[in-house]
Amino acid sequence: MNRIKLVAILAVFGIGMFVLMSSIYTVSEVEQAIITQFGKPVGAPVTTAGLKLKVPFIQDVNLIDKRVVGTFEIEKLRIASLALHCRIHG
């Protein structure tokens, strides 16, 4: 009977650790995360670095490099300033 209890306790502990590890993710300094739930974004993008939590098995983490996002933003600003320049001087 003691052996069965030990196996049951170890199984519950193993499953609990698996669920805990599935709910933890990290975001580095050069990344931001977008959390999706069933394929749709939920909440605001996570832009701060560190250890974060999510709902296991339901939510997915999509990591995006901030340097790429920054490049797109700079390009948008460049296009907007060119358009403004053309309106003023055009």
C-alpha atoms as a PDB file:
ATOM      1  CA  MET A   1       0.000   0.000   0.000  1.00  0.00           C
ATOM      2  CA  ASN A   2       2.844   2.409   0.768  1.00  0.00           C
ATOM      3  CA  ARG A   3       4.340   1.838  -2.682  1.00  0.00           C
ATOM      4  CA  ILE A   4       1.020   2.771  -4.359  1.00  0.00           C
ATOM      5  CA  LYS A   5       0.794   5.965  -2.289  1.00  0.00           C
ATOM      6  CA  LEU A   6       4.345   6.899  -3.218  1.00  0.00           C
ATOM      7  CA  VAL A   7       3.687   6.340  -6.932  1.00  0.00           C
ATOM      8  CA  ALA A   8       0.450   8.387  -6.718  1.00  0.00           C
ATOM      9  CA  ILE A   9       2.201  11.245  -4.918  1.00  0.00           C
ATOM     10  CA  LEU A  10       5.035  11.256  -7.450  1.00  0.00           C
ATOM     11  CA  ALA A  11       2.537  11.229 -10.346  1.00  0.00           C
ATOM     12  CA  VAL A  12       0.589  14.172  -8.899  1.00  0.00           C
ATOM     13  CA  PHE A  13       3.840  16.042  -8.240  1.00  0.00           C
ATOM     14  CA  GLY A  14       5.048  15.367 -11.790  1.00  0.00           C
ATOM     15  CA  ILE A  15       1.793  16.556 -13.338  1.00  0.00           C
ATOM     16  CA  GLY A  16       1.812  19.654 -11.121  1.00  0.00           C
ATOM     17  CA  MET A  17       5.368  20.516 -12.164  1.00  0.00           C
ATOM     18  CA  PHE A  18       4.471  20.032 -15.835  1.00  0.00           C
ATOM     19  CA  VAL A  19       1.506  22.423 -15.514  1.00  0.00           C
ATOM     20  CA  LEU A  20       3.636  24.953 -13.600  1.00  0.00           C
ATOM     21  CA  MET A  21       6.426  24.845 -16.180  1.00  0.00           C
ATOM     22  CA  SER A  22       3.858  25.231 -18.979  1.00  0.00           C
ATOM     23  CA  SER A  23       2.582  28.449 -17.409  1.00  0.00           C
ATOM     24  CA  ILE A  24       5.960  30.221 -17.073  1.00  0.00           C
ATOM     25  CA  TYR A  25       7.747  32.080 -19.865  1.00  0.00           C
ATOM     26  CA  THR A  26      10.531  34.648 -20.105  1.00  0.00           C
ATOM     27  CA  VAL A  27      10.863  37.847 -22.106  1.00  0.00           C
ATOM     28  CA  SER A  28      14.376  39.145 -22.770  1.00  0.00           C
ATOM     29  CA  GLU A  29      15.433  42.783 -23.016  1.00  0.00           C
ATOM     30  CA  VAL A  30      15.294  42.794 -26.830  1.00  0.00           C
ATOM     31  CA  GLU A  31      11.904  41.052 -27.153  1.00  0.00           C
ATOM     32  CA  GLN A  32       8.276  41.766 -26.588  1.00  0.00           C
ATOM     33  CA  ALA A  33       5.570  39.147 -26.234  1.00  0.00           C
ATOM     34  CA  ILE A  34       2.067  38.969 -27.605  1.00  0.00           C
ATOM     35  CA  ILE A  35      -0.167  36.520 -25.767  1.00  0.00           C
ATOM     36  CA  THR A  36      -2.750  34.739 -27.908  1.00  0.00           C
ATOM     37  CA  GLN A  37      -5.673  32.725 -26.662  1.00  0.00           C
ATOM     38  CA  PHE A  38      -7.130  30.362 -29.245  1.00  0.00           C
ATOM     39  CA  GLY A  39      -5.263  32.323 -31.927  1.00  0.00           C
ATOM     40  CA  LYS A  40      -6.570  35.781 -30.966  1.00  0.00           C
ATOM     41  CA  PRO A  41      -4.435  38.360 -29.118  1.00  0.00           C
ATOM     42  CA  VAL A  42      -5.450  39.040 -25.526  1.00  0.00           C
ATOM     43  CA  GLY A  43      -4.295  42.030 -23.508  1.00  0.00           C
ATOM     44  CA  ALA A  44      -1.538  44.477 -24.269  1.00  0.00           C
ATOM     45  CA  PRO A  45       1.872  43.355 -25.540  1.00  0.00           C
ATOM     46  CA  VAL A  46       4.331  42.452 -22.782  1.00  0.00           C
ATOM     47  CA  THR A  47       7.275  44.807 -23.259  1.00  0.00           C
ATOM     48  CA  THR A  48       9.092  44.455 -19.933  1.00  0.00           C
ATOM     49  CA  ALA A  49      11.785  41.825 -19.524  1.00  0.00           C
ATOM     50  CA  GLY A  50      11.543  39.083 -16.936  1.00  0.00           C
ATOM     51  CA  LEU A  51       9.740  35.955 -15.846  1.00  0.00           C
ATOM     52  CA  LYS A  52       6.011  36.018 -16.704  1.00  0.00           C
ATOM     53  CA  LEU A  53       2.958  33.788 -16.239  1.00  0.00           C
ATOM     54  CA  LYS A  54       0.264  32.647 -18.669  1.00  0.00           C
ATOM     55  CA  VAL A  55      -2.648  30.223 -18.604  1.00  0.00           C
ATOM     56  CA  PRO A  56      -1.174  26.837 -19.528  1.00  0.00           C
ATOM     57  CA  PHE A  57      -2.496  24.972 -22.598  1.00  0.00           C
ATOM     58  CA  ILE A  58      -4.912  27.829 -23.482  1.00  0.00           C
ATOM     59  CA  GLN A  59      -2.598  30.775 -24.085  1.00  0.00           C
ATOM     60  CA  ASP A  60       0.442  30.850 -26.386  1.00  0.00           C
ATOM     61  CA  VAL A  61       3.376  33.258 -26.275  1.00  0.00           C
ATOM     62  CA  ASN A  62       4.555  34.880 -29.513  1.00  0.00           C
ATOM     63  CA  LEU A  63       7.929  36.559 -29.049  1.00  0.00           C
ATOM     64  CA  ILE A  64       8.854  39.413 -31.377  1.00  0.00           C
ATOM     65  CA  ASP A  65      12.242  41.082 -31.550  1.00  0.00           C
ATOM     66  CA  LYS A  66      11.928  44.758 -30.527  1.00  0.00           C
ATOM     67  CA  ARG A  67      14.641  45.695 -32.979  1.00  0.00           C
ATOM     68  CA  VAL A  68      12.443  44.532 -35.868  1.00  0.00           C
ATOM     69  CA  VAL A  69       9.406  46.349 -34.465  1.00  0.00           C
ATOM     70  CA  GLY A  70      11.540  49.474 -34.039  1.00  0.00           C
ATOM     71  CA  THR A  71      12.624  49.279 -37.684  1.00  0.00           C
ATOM     72  CA  PHE A  72       9.010  49.204 -38.822  1.00  0.00           C
ATOM     73  CA  GLU A  73       8.158  52.181 -36.626  1.00  0.00           C
ATOM     74  CA  ILE A  74      11.091  54.186 -37.988  1.00  0.00           C
ATOM     75  CA  GLU A  75       9.998  53.367 -41.544  1.00  0.00           C
ATOM     76  CA  LYS A  76       6.439  54.533 -40.754  1.00  0.00           C
ATOM     77  CA  LEU A  77       7.798  57.815 -39.371  1.00  0.00           C
ATOM     78  CA  ARG A  78      10.019  58.285 -42.424  1.00  0.00           C
ATOM     79  CA  ILE A  79       7.078  57.747 -44.799  1.00  0.00           C
ATOM     80  CA  ALA A  80       4.871  60.091 -42.753  1.00  0.00           C
ATOM     81  CA  SER A  81       7.521  62.809 -42.757  1.00  0.00           C
ATOM     82  CA  LEU A  82       8.005  62.441 -46.527  1.00  0.00           C
ATOM     83  CA  ALA A  83       4.258  62.736 -47.068  1.00  0.00           C
ATOM     84  CA  LEU A  84       4.119  65.829 -44.880  1.00  0.00           C
ATOM     85  CA  HIS A  85       7.121  67.310 -46.706  1.00  0.00           C
ATOM     86  CA  CYS A  86       5.412  66.731 -50.074  1.00  0.00           C
ATOM     87  CA  ARG A  87       2.197  68.391 -48.862  1.00  0.00           C
ATOM     88  CA  ILE A  88       4.061  71.441 -47.567  1.00  0.00           C
ATOM     89  CA  HIS A  89       6.518  71.869 -50.426  1.00  0.00           C
ATOM     90  CA  GLY A  90       4.691  70.032 -53.199  1.00  0.00           C
END
